[in-house]
Amino acid sequence: MLQGHLTRGLRASLRNNGQAYGFSVSITAGMAVLNTETDVSAGAAVLFFALGAAAAFSVLEAVASHGFRKPMDEEPSTVTALGISLSLVSVGTASGLAWVIAHFVGGTVAWPLTGFVVSTVYPLAAGVELAIAQQARESSESETSEEKKQEEKDEKEEKEKGKEEE
């Protein structure tokens, strides 16, 4: 009984926190890279970073909701689970771009730019991962449906064959 509760709790935690966890890792890595790659130590740089990140989310929310007019649908939990399992790509891409900006742009301008880029790239890459997961689910359902049809056809043929033999 406890194992069932633990399993359900783990599933709920992963489903509800998976995308946020990947974003948290990416944005934290972005800031850590900025700290090590740039010579900026001013507290204002952190504020610039946060404003760049918030601006990106505002733009993405406006686009995804068609100007805040359409609700954003949730994916089925099986799609979300598979999409989250692919998050190595989205986290790696966003974190890698953070390093590129910090290393090659540098200075104070790298802080808001990194916040903006990480906060744009991670959700877009995660969206691609979810789209891949949805395609895999649809393909799996299609194959399962075709297999069931083939099984039904085979059973029908066997019954007809059995009637002919009688």
N, C-alpha and C. Protein backbone atom coordinates (compact mmCIF):
# COMPACT_ATOMS: atom_id res chain seq x y z
N MET A 1 0.82 -1.19 0.00
CA MET A 1 0.00 0.00 0.00
C MET A 1 0.87 1.26 0.00
N LEU A 2 1.88 1.28 0.85
CA LEU A 2 2.77 2.44 0.90
C LEU A 2 3.50 2.62 -0.42
N GLN A 3 3.90 1.51 -1.05
CA GLN A 3 4.60 1.58 -2.32
C GLN A 3 3.72 2.23 -3.38
N GLY A 4 2.41 1.90 -3.40
CA GLY A 4 1.49 2.50 -4.36
C GLY A 4 1.37 4.00 -4.17
N HIS A 5 1.30 4.43 -2.89
CA HIS A 5 1.22 5.87 -2.60
C HIS A 5 2.51 6.58 -3.00
N LEU A 6 3.63 5.92 -2.71
CA LEU A 6 4.93 6.50 -3.08
C LEU A 6 5.05 6.64 -4.59
N THR A 7 4.64 5.61 -5.31
CA THR A 7 4.71 5.65 -6.78
C THR A 7 3.82 6.76 -7.33
N ARG A 8 2.59 6.86 -6.83
CA ARG A 8 1.70 7.93 -7.30
C ARG A 8 2.25 9.31 -6.95
N GLY A 9 2.81 9.44 -5.77
CA GLY A 9 3.40 10.71 -5.37
C GLY A 9 4.58 11.10 -6.23
N LEU A 10 5.42 10.12 -6.55
CA LEU A 10 6.57 10.38 -7.42
C LEU A 10 6.11 10.80 -8.80
N ARG A 11 5.11 10.08 -9.34
CA ARG A 11 4.59 10.43 -10.67
C ARG A 11 4.02 11.84 -10.68
N ALA A 12 3.25 12.18 -9.64
CA ALA A 12 2.66 13.53 -9.56
C ALA A 12 3.76 14.58 -9.47
N SER A 13 4.78 14.31 -8.68
CA SER A 13 5.87 15.27 -8.54
C SER A 13 6.61 15.47 -9.85
N LEU A 14 6.89 14.38 -10.55
CA LEU A 14 7.59 14.50 -11.83
C LEU A 14 6.73 15.22 -12.86
N ARG A 15 5.45 14.86 -12.92
CA ARG A 15 4.54 15.47 -13.89
C ARG A 15 4.40 16.97 -13.63
N ASN A 16 4.27 17.34 -12.37
CA ASN A 16 4.01 18.75 -12.03
C ASN A 16 5.27 19.60 -11.98
N ASN A 17 6.43 18.99 -11.83
CA ASN A 17 7.65 19.77 -11.65
C ASN A 17 8.70 19.58 -12.74
N GLY A 18 8.49 18.64 -13.63
CA GLY A 18 9.52 18.29 -14.61
C GLY A 18 10.00 19.44 -15.46
N GLN A 19 9.08 20.15 -16.09
CA GLN A 19 9.48 21.27 -16.95
C GLN A 19 10.11 22.40 -16.12
N ALA A 20 9.52 22.68 -14.96
CA ALA A 20 10.07 23.74 -14.10
C ALA A 20 11.47 23.38 -13.61
N TYR A 21 11.68 22.10 -13.33
CA TYR A 21 12.99 21.65 -12.89
C TYR A 21 14.04 21.88 -13.98
N GLY A 22 13.71 21.48 -15.19
CA GLY A 22 14.64 21.69 -16.30
C GLY A 22 14.95 23.16 -16.51
N PHE A 23 13.91 24.02 -16.40
CA PHE A 23 14.15 25.45 -16.54
C PHE A 23 15.02 25.96 -15.40
N SER A 24 14.75 25.50 -14.18
CA SER A 24 15.54 25.95 -13.03
C SER A 24 17.01 25.59 -13.20
N VAL A 25 17.26 24.40 -13.68
CA VAL A 25 18.65 23.98 -13.92
C VAL A 25 19.28 24.88 -14.99
N SER A 26 18.55 25.14 -16.05
CA SER A 26 19.09 25.96 -17.16
C SER A 26 19.37 27.38 -16.72
N ILE A 27 18.44 27.99 -16.04
CA ILE A 27 18.62 29.41 -15.66
C ILE A 27 19.71 29.54 -14.60
N THR A 28 19.82 28.55 -13.70
CA THR A 28 20.88 28.57 -12.70
C THR A 28 22.25 28.37 -13.36
N ALA A 29 22.30 27.45 -14.32
CA ALA A 29 23.56 27.25 -15.05
C ALA A 29 23.94 28.52 -15.80
N GLY A 30 22.93 29.20 -16.37
CA GLY A 30 23.21 30.45 -17.08
C GLY A 30 23.85 31.49 -16.18
N MET A 31 23.30 31.63 -14.98
CA MET A 31 23.87 32.61 -14.06
C MET A 31 25.25 32.18 -13.57
N ALA A 32 25.44 30.90 -13.34
CA ALA A 32 26.74 30.41 -12.89
C ALA A 32 27.80 30.65 -13.95
N VAL A 33 27.44 30.41 -15.20
CA VAL A 33 28.38 30.65 -16.30
C VAL A 33 28.73 32.13 -16.38
N LEU A 34 27.73 32.98 -16.23
CA LEU A 34 28.00 34.42 -16.25
C LEU A 34 28.96 34.82 -15.13
N ASN A 35 28.76 34.24 -13.96
CA ASN A 35 29.64 34.55 -12.82
C ASN A 35 31.08 34.16 -13.09
N THR A 36 31.28 33.06 -13.80
CA THR A 36 32.65 32.60 -14.04
C THR A 36 33.27 33.19 -15.29
N GLU A 37 32.47 33.56 -16.28
CA GLU A 37 33.01 34.00 -17.56
C GLU A 37 33.10 35.52 -17.73
N THR A 38 32.30 36.27 -16.98
CA THR A 38 32.34 37.73 -17.14
C THR A 38 33.04 38.35 -15.93
N ASP A 39 33.52 39.56 -16.12
CA ASP A 39 34.19 40.28 -15.04
C ASP A 39 33.25 41.25 -14.34
N VAL A 40 31.96 41.00 -14.46
CA VAL A 40 30.97 41.90 -13.87
C VAL A 40 30.60 41.38 -12.49
N SER A 41 30.74 42.24 -11.50
CA SER A 41 30.40 41.82 -10.13
C SER A 41 29.33 42.71 -9.51
N ALA A 42 28.77 43.61 -10.29
CA ALA A 42 27.77 44.54 -9.77
C ALA A 42 26.45 43.82 -9.54
N GLY A 43 25.77 44.19 -8.47
CA GLY A 43 24.46 43.63 -8.17
C GLY A 43 23.44 43.96 -9.25
N ALA A 44 23.66 45.08 -9.94
CA ALA A 44 22.73 45.47 -11.00
C ALA A 44 22.72 44.43 -12.12
N ALA A 45 23.82 43.73 -12.33
CA ALA A 45 23.88 42.71 -13.38
C ALA A 45 22.86 41.60 -13.10
N VAL A 46 22.68 41.24 -11.85
CA VAL A 46 21.70 40.21 -11.48
C VAL A 46 20.30 40.72 -11.80
N LEU A 47 20.04 41.99 -11.52
CA LEU A 47 18.74 42.58 -11.85
C LEU A 47 18.54 42.57 -13.37
N PHE A 48 19.56 42.92 -14.14
CA PHE A 48 19.46 42.89 -15.60
C PHE A 48 19.17 41.48 -16.10
N PHE A 49 19.82 40.50 -15.48
CA PHE A 49 19.59 39.10 -15.82
C PHE A 49 18.12 38.73 -15.59
N ALA A 50 17.61 39.08 -14.42
CA ALA A 50 16.22 38.76 -14.08
C ALA A 50 15.24 39.46 -15.02
N LEU A 51 15.52 40.70 -15.36
CA LEU A 51 14.63 41.43 -16.28
C LEU A 51 14.67 40.83 -17.68
N GLY A 52 15.82 40.42 -18.12
CA GLY A 52 15.92 39.75 -19.43
C GLY A 52 15.13 38.46 -19.44
N ALA A 53 15.24 37.69 -18.37
CA ALA A 53 14.49 36.43 -18.26
C ALA A 53 12.99 36.69 -18.24
N ALA A 54 12.57 37.66 -17.45
CA ALA A 54 11.13 37.97 -17.35
C ALA A 54 10.59 38.48 -18.68
N ALA A 55 11.36 39.27 -19.38
CA ALA A 55 10.92 39.78 -20.69
C ALA A 55 10.69 38.63 -21.66
N ALA A 56 11.58 37.66 -21.65
CA ALA A 56 11.42 36.51 -22.55
C ALA A 56 10.13 35.75 -22.23
N PHE A 57 9.87 35.52 -20.96
CA PHE A 57 8.64 34.81 -20.59
C PHE A 57 7.41 35.59 -21.00
N SER A 58 7.45 36.90 -20.85
CA SER A 58 6.31 37.72 -21.26
C SER A 58 6.04 37.59 -22.75
N VAL A 59 7.09 37.64 -23.55
CA VAL A 59 6.95 37.52 -24.99
C VAL A 59 6.41 36.13 -25.35
N LEU A 60 6.98 35.08 -24.76
CA LEU A 60 6.53 33.72 -25.07
C LEU A 60 5.07 33.50 -24.65
N GLU A 61 4.68 34.02 -23.49
CA GLU A 61 3.29 33.90 -23.04
C GLU A 61 2.34 34.59 -24.02
N ALA A 62 2.73 35.78 -24.47
CA ALA A 62 1.89 36.51 -25.42
C ALA A 62 1.74 35.75 -26.73
N VAL A 63 2.82 35.19 -27.23
CA VAL A 63 2.78 34.45 -28.49
C VAL A 63 1.99 33.15 -28.32
N ALA A 64 2.30 32.39 -27.28
CA ALA A 64 1.66 31.08 -27.09
C ALA A 64 0.16 31.19 -26.81
N SER A 65 -0.25 32.29 -26.20
CA SER A 65 -1.68 32.46 -25.88
C SER A 65 -2.40 33.33 -26.92
N HIS A 66 -1.74 33.57 -28.04
CA HIS A 66 -2.32 34.40 -29.11
C HIS A 66 -2.79 35.74 -28.54
N GLY A 67 -1.85 36.43 -27.94
CA GLY A 67 -2.16 37.74 -27.37
C GLY A 67 -3.01 37.64 -26.11
N PHE A 68 -2.79 36.59 -25.34
CA PHE A 68 -3.49 36.36 -24.08
C PHE A 68 -4.99 36.11 -24.28
N ARG A 69 -5.37 35.59 -25.46
CA ARG A 69 -6.78 35.33 -25.75
C ARG A 69 -7.14 33.87 -25.70
N LYS A 70 -6.17 32.96 -25.82
CA LYS A 70 -6.46 31.53 -25.83
C LYS A 70 -5.78 30.85 -24.65
N PRO A 71 -6.51 29.95 -23.98
CA PRO A 71 -5.87 29.21 -22.89
C PRO A 71 -4.83 28.25 -23.45
N MET A 72 -3.85 27.94 -22.64
CA MET A 72 -2.81 26.99 -23.06
C MET A 72 -3.17 25.61 -22.55
N ASP A 73 -3.32 24.67 -23.49
CA ASP A 73 -3.73 23.31 -23.15
C ASP A 73 -2.59 22.54 -22.52
N GLU A 74 -2.97 21.54 -21.71
CA GLU A 74 -1.99 20.65 -21.12
C GLU A 74 -1.85 19.40 -21.98
N GLU A 75 -0.67 18.85 -21.98
CA GLU A 75 -0.42 17.61 -22.70
C GLU A 75 -0.83 16.43 -21.82
N PRO A 76 -1.19 15.30 -22.43
CA PRO A 76 -1.45 14.09 -21.63
C PRO A 76 -0.22 13.72 -20.82
N SER A 77 -0.42 13.09 -19.68
CA SER A 77 0.70 12.79 -18.79
C SER A 77 1.75 11.88 -19.43
N THR A 78 1.34 10.99 -20.33
CA THR A 78 2.32 10.12 -20.99
C THR A 78 3.23 10.93 -21.92
N VAL A 79 2.66 11.93 -22.56
CA VAL A 79 3.45 12.80 -23.43
C VAL A 79 4.40 13.64 -22.59
N THR A 80 3.89 14.19 -21.50
CA THR A 80 4.73 14.99 -20.61
C THR A 80 5.89 14.17 -20.07
N ALA A 81 5.61 12.94 -19.64
CA ALA A 81 6.67 12.08 -19.08
C ALA A 81 7.77 11.83 -20.11
N LEU A 82 7.39 11.50 -21.34
CA LEU A 82 8.39 11.25 -22.37
C LEU A 82 9.13 12.54 -22.73
N GLY A 83 8.39 13.64 -22.85
CA GLY A 83 9.02 14.92 -23.17
C GLY A 83 10.04 15.33 -22.13
N ILE A 84 9.69 15.16 -20.86
CA ILE A 84 10.61 15.52 -19.78
C ILE A 84 11.84 14.62 -19.80
N SER A 85 11.66 13.37 -20.19
CA SER A 85 12.81 12.47 -20.23
C SER A 85 13.81 12.88 -21.31
N LEU A 86 13.38 13.71 -22.24
CA LEU A 86 14.27 14.22 -23.29
C LEU A 86 14.93 15.55 -22.91
N SER A 87 14.71 16.02 -21.68
CA SER A 87 15.13 17.37 -21.30
C SER A 87 16.63 17.59 -21.31
N LEU A 88 17.40 16.56 -21.44
CA LEU A 88 18.84 16.74 -21.56
C LEU A 88 19.16 17.67 -22.74
N VAL A 89 18.36 17.57 -23.79
CA VAL A 89 18.57 18.41 -24.97
C VAL A 89 18.25 19.87 -24.67
N SER A 90 17.09 20.13 -24.09
CA SER A 90 16.69 21.52 -23.82
C SER A 90 17.60 22.16 -22.78
N VAL A 91 17.92 21.43 -21.73
CA VAL A 91 18.81 21.97 -20.69
C VAL A 91 20.20 22.20 -21.28
N GLY A 92 20.70 21.24 -22.03
CA GLY A 92 22.03 21.38 -22.63
C GLY A 92 22.10 22.53 -23.63
N THR A 93 21.06 22.68 -24.43
CA THR A 93 21.04 23.76 -25.42
C THR A 93 21.01 25.12 -24.74
N ALA A 94 20.11 25.29 -23.80
CA ALA A 94 19.99 26.58 -23.12
C ALA A 94 21.26 26.91 -22.33
N SER A 95 21.79 25.93 -21.64
CA SER A 95 23.01 26.16 -20.85
C SER A 95 24.22 26.41 -21.75
N GLY A 96 24.29 25.70 -22.85
CA GLY A 96 25.39 25.91 -23.80
C GLY A 96 25.36 27.30 -24.41
N LEU A 97 24.15 27.76 -24.76
CA LEU A 97 24.04 29.12 -25.30
C LEU A 97 24.41 30.16 -24.25
N ALA A 98 24.10 29.89 -23.00
CA ALA A 98 24.50 30.81 -21.92
C ALA A 98 26.01 30.96 -21.89
N TRP A 99 26.71 29.85 -22.03
CA TRP A 99 28.17 29.91 -22.04
C TRP A 99 28.67 30.69 -23.25
N VAL A 100 28.08 30.44 -24.42
CA VAL A 100 28.49 31.14 -25.64
C VAL A 100 28.35 32.65 -25.45
N ILE A 101 27.22 33.08 -24.92
CA ILE A 101 26.99 34.52 -24.72
C ILE A 101 27.96 35.07 -23.69
N ALA A 102 28.11 34.38 -22.56
CA ALA A 102 29.01 34.86 -21.51
C ALA A 102 30.44 34.93 -22.02
N HIS A 103 30.85 33.94 -22.77
CA HIS A 103 32.24 33.87 -23.22
C HIS A 103 32.55 34.84 -24.36
N PHE A 104 31.64 34.92 -25.33
CA PHE A 104 31.93 35.71 -26.53
C PHE A 104 31.37 37.12 -26.50
N VAL A 105 30.28 37.35 -25.77
CA VAL A 105 29.73 38.71 -25.66
C VAL A 105 30.34 39.38 -24.43
N GLY A 106 30.19 38.71 -23.29
CA GLY A 106 30.79 39.19 -22.05
C GLY A 106 30.25 40.53 -21.58
N GLY A 107 30.82 41.00 -20.50
CA GLY A 107 30.46 42.30 -19.95
C GLY A 107 29.03 42.37 -19.42
N THR A 108 28.62 43.56 -19.13
CA THR A 108 27.30 43.79 -18.55
C THR A 108 26.18 43.38 -19.50
N VAL A 109 26.36 43.59 -20.80
CA VAL A 109 25.32 43.27 -21.77
C VAL A 109 25.02 41.77 -21.81
N ALA A 110 25.97 40.94 -21.45
CA ALA A 110 25.76 39.50 -21.46
C ALA A 110 24.72 39.06 -20.43
N TRP A 111 24.56 39.81 -19.36
CA TRP A 111 23.64 39.40 -18.29
C TRP A 111 22.18 39.43 -18.73
N PRO A 112 21.64 40.54 -19.21
CA PRO A 112 20.23 40.48 -19.64
C PRO A 112 20.05 39.61 -20.89
N LEU A 113 21.06 39.62 -21.75
CA LEU A 113 20.96 38.80 -22.97
C LEU A 113 20.90 37.32 -22.62
N THR A 114 21.71 36.88 -21.69
CA THR A 114 21.69 35.48 -21.27
C THR A 114 20.37 35.12 -20.62
N GLY A 115 19.88 35.99 -19.74
CA GLY A 115 18.58 35.74 -19.11
C GLY A 115 17.49 35.60 -20.16
N PHE A 116 17.52 36.48 -21.15
CA PHE A 116 16.52 36.44 -22.22
C PHE A 116 16.66 35.18 -23.08
N VAL A 117 17.87 34.87 -23.48
CA VAL A 117 18.09 33.72 -24.37
C VAL A 117 17.75 32.40 -23.67
N VAL A 118 18.22 32.21 -22.45
CA VAL A 118 17.92 30.97 -21.72
C VAL A 118 16.41 30.84 -21.53
N SER A 119 15.76 31.94 -21.19
CA SER A 119 14.32 31.91 -20.93
C SER A 119 13.49 31.80 -22.20
N THR A 120 14.10 31.99 -23.34
CA THR A 120 13.43 31.78 -24.62
C THR A 120 13.75 30.38 -25.16
N VAL A 121 15.02 30.03 -25.16
CA VAL A 121 15.45 28.78 -25.77
C VAL A 121 14.96 27.56 -25.00
N TYR A 122 15.05 27.58 -23.67
CA TYR A 122 14.62 26.40 -22.92
C TYR A 122 13.16 26.05 -23.20
N PRO A 123 12.21 26.98 -23.06
CA PRO A 123 10.81 26.60 -23.34
C PRO A 123 10.58 26.17 -24.78
N LEU A 124 11.27 26.81 -25.73
CA LEU A 124 11.11 26.40 -27.13
C LEU A 124 11.65 24.99 -27.35
N ALA A 125 12.82 24.71 -26.80
CA ALA A 125 13.40 23.37 -26.95
C ALA A 125 12.54 22.33 -26.22
N ALA A 126 12.03 22.69 -25.05
CA ALA A 126 11.15 21.78 -24.32
C ALA A 126 9.87 21.53 -25.11
N GLY A 127 9.40 22.56 -25.81
CA GLY A 127 8.23 22.39 -26.67
C GLY A 127 8.50 21.42 -27.80
N VAL A 128 9.69 21.48 -28.37
CA VAL A 128 10.07 20.53 -29.42
C VAL A 128 10.11 19.11 -28.83
N GLU A 129 10.65 18.98 -27.63
CA GLU A 129 10.70 17.67 -26.98
C GLU A 129 9.29 17.12 -26.77
N LEU A 130 8.36 17.97 -26.34
CA LEU A 130 6.98 17.53 -26.15
C LEU A 130 6.33 17.17 -27.49
N ALA A 131 6.65 17.91 -28.54
CA ALA A 131 6.11 17.59 -29.86
C ALA A 131 6.63 16.23 -30.33
N ILE A 132 7.89 15.95 -30.09
CA ILE A 132 8.46 14.65 -30.43
C ILE A 132 7.75 13.55 -29.63
N ALA A 133 7.54 13.82 -28.36
CA ALA A 133 6.85 12.84 -27.51
C ALA A 133 5.42 12.60 -28.00
N GLN A 134 4.74 13.66 -28.42
CA GLN A 134 3.37 13.52 -28.93
C GLN A 134 3.37 12.69 -30.22
N GLN A 135 4.34 12.95 -31.09
CA GLN A 135 4.46 12.17 -32.33
C GLN A 135 4.70 10.70 -32.01
N ALA A 136 5.55 10.44 -31.04
CA ALA A 136 5.84 9.06 -30.65
C ALA A 136 4.58 8.40 -30.10
N ARG A 137 3.83 9.12 -29.31
CA ARG A 137 2.59 8.58 -28.75
C ARG A 137 1.59 8.27 -29.86
N GLU A 138 1.41 9.21 -30.78
CA GLU A 138 0.47 9.00 -31.87
C GLU A 138 0.90 7.83 -32.75
N SER A 139 2.19 7.72 -32.99
CA SER A 139 2.72 6.61 -33.79
C SER A 139 2.47 5.29 -33.07
N SER A 140 2.70 5.27 -31.78
CA SER A 140 2.48 4.07 -30.98
C SER A 140 1.00 3.68 -30.98
N GLU A 141 0.12 4.68 -30.83
CA GLU A 141 -1.31 4.41 -30.85
C GLU A 141 -1.75 3.89 -32.22
N SER A 142 -1.17 4.46 -33.27
CA SER A 142 -1.49 4.04 -34.63
C SER A 142 -1.05 2.60 -34.86
N GLU A 143 0.15 2.27 -34.42
CA GLU A 143 0.65 0.91 -34.56
C GLU A 143 -0.20 -0.06 -33.76
N THR A 144 -0.57 0.33 -32.55
CA THR A 144 -1.41 -0.51 -31.71
C THR A 144 -2.76 -0.73 -32.37
N SER A 145 -3.32 0.33 -32.94
CA SER A 145 -4.61 0.23 -33.62
C SER A 145 -4.52 -0.69 -34.84
N GLU A 146 -3.45 -0.55 -35.60
CA GLU A 146 -3.25 -1.40 -36.77
C GLU A 146 -3.04 -2.85 -36.36
N GLU A 147 -2.31 -3.08 -35.27
CA GLU A 147 -2.11 -4.44 -34.78
C GLU A 147 -3.43 -5.06 -34.37
N LYS A 148 -4.28 -4.30 -33.68
CA LYS A 148 -5.59 -4.81 -33.28
C LYS A 148 -6.44 -5.15 -34.49
N LYS A 149 -6.41 -4.29 -35.50
CA LYS A 149 -7.17 -4.56 -36.72
C LYS A 149 -6.68 -5.84 -37.39
N GLN A 150 -5.36 -6.01 -37.43
CA GLN A 150 -4.79 -7.21 -38.04
C GLN A 150 -5.18 -8.45 -37.25
N GLU A 151 -5.16 -8.36 -35.92
CA GLU A 151 -5.56 -9.48 -35.08
C GLU A 151 -7.02 -9.84 -35.31
N GLU A 152 -7.88 -8.83 -35.40
CA GLU A 152 -9.30 -9.07 -35.65
C GLU A 152 -9.50 -9.72 -37.02
N LYS A 153 -8.75 -9.25 -38.00
CA LYS A 153 -8.84 -9.82 -39.35
C LYS A 153 -8.39 -11.28 -39.33
N ASP A 154 -7.28 -11.54 -38.64
CA ASP A 154 -6.78 -12.92 -38.56
C ASP A 154 -7.78 -13.83 -37.86
N GLU A 155 -8.39 -13.33 -36.77
CA GLU A 155 -9.39 -14.12 -36.05
C GLU A 155 -10.59 -14.41 -36.93
N LYS A 156 -11.03 -13.42 -37.69
CA LYS A 156 -12.17 -13.59 -38.59
C LYS A 156 -11.85 -14.63 -39.65
N GLU A 157 -10.65 -14.55 -40.22
CA GLU A 157 -10.23 -15.52 -41.23
C GLU A 157 -10.17 -16.92 -40.66
N GLU A 158 -9.69 -17.06 -39.42
CA GLU A 158 -9.63 -18.37 -38.78
C GLU A 158 -11.03 -18.93 -38.55
N LYS A 159 -11.96 -18.07 -38.13
CA LYS A 159 -13.34 -18.53 -37.93
C LYS A 159 -13.95 -18.97 -39.25
N GLU A 160 -13.72 -18.20 -40.30
CA GLU A 160 -14.26 -18.57 -41.62
C GLU A 160 -13.63 -19.88 -42.09
N LYS A 161 -12.36 -20.04 -41.85
CA LYS A 161 -11.66 -21.26 -42.23
C LYS A 161 -12.24 -22.44 -41.46
N GLY A 162 -12.50 -22.23 -40.18
CA GLY A 162 -13.09 -23.27 -39.34
C GLY A 162 -14.48 -23.67 -39.81
N LYS A 163 -15.27 -22.69 -40.28
CA LYS A 163 -16.62 -22.98 -40.78
C LYS A 163 -16.53 -23.78 -42.08
N GLU A 164 -15.56 -23.45 -42.92
CA GLU A 164 -15.39 -24.15 -44.20
C GLU A 164 -15.01 -25.61 -43.96
N GLU A 165 -14.20 -25.88 -42.96
CA GLU A 165 -13.74 -27.23 -42.66
C GLU A 165 -14.86 -28.08 -42.11
N GLU A 166 -15.87 -27.45 -41.48
CA GLU A 166 -16.98 -28.20 -40.89
C GLU A 166 -17.86 -28.62 -41.97
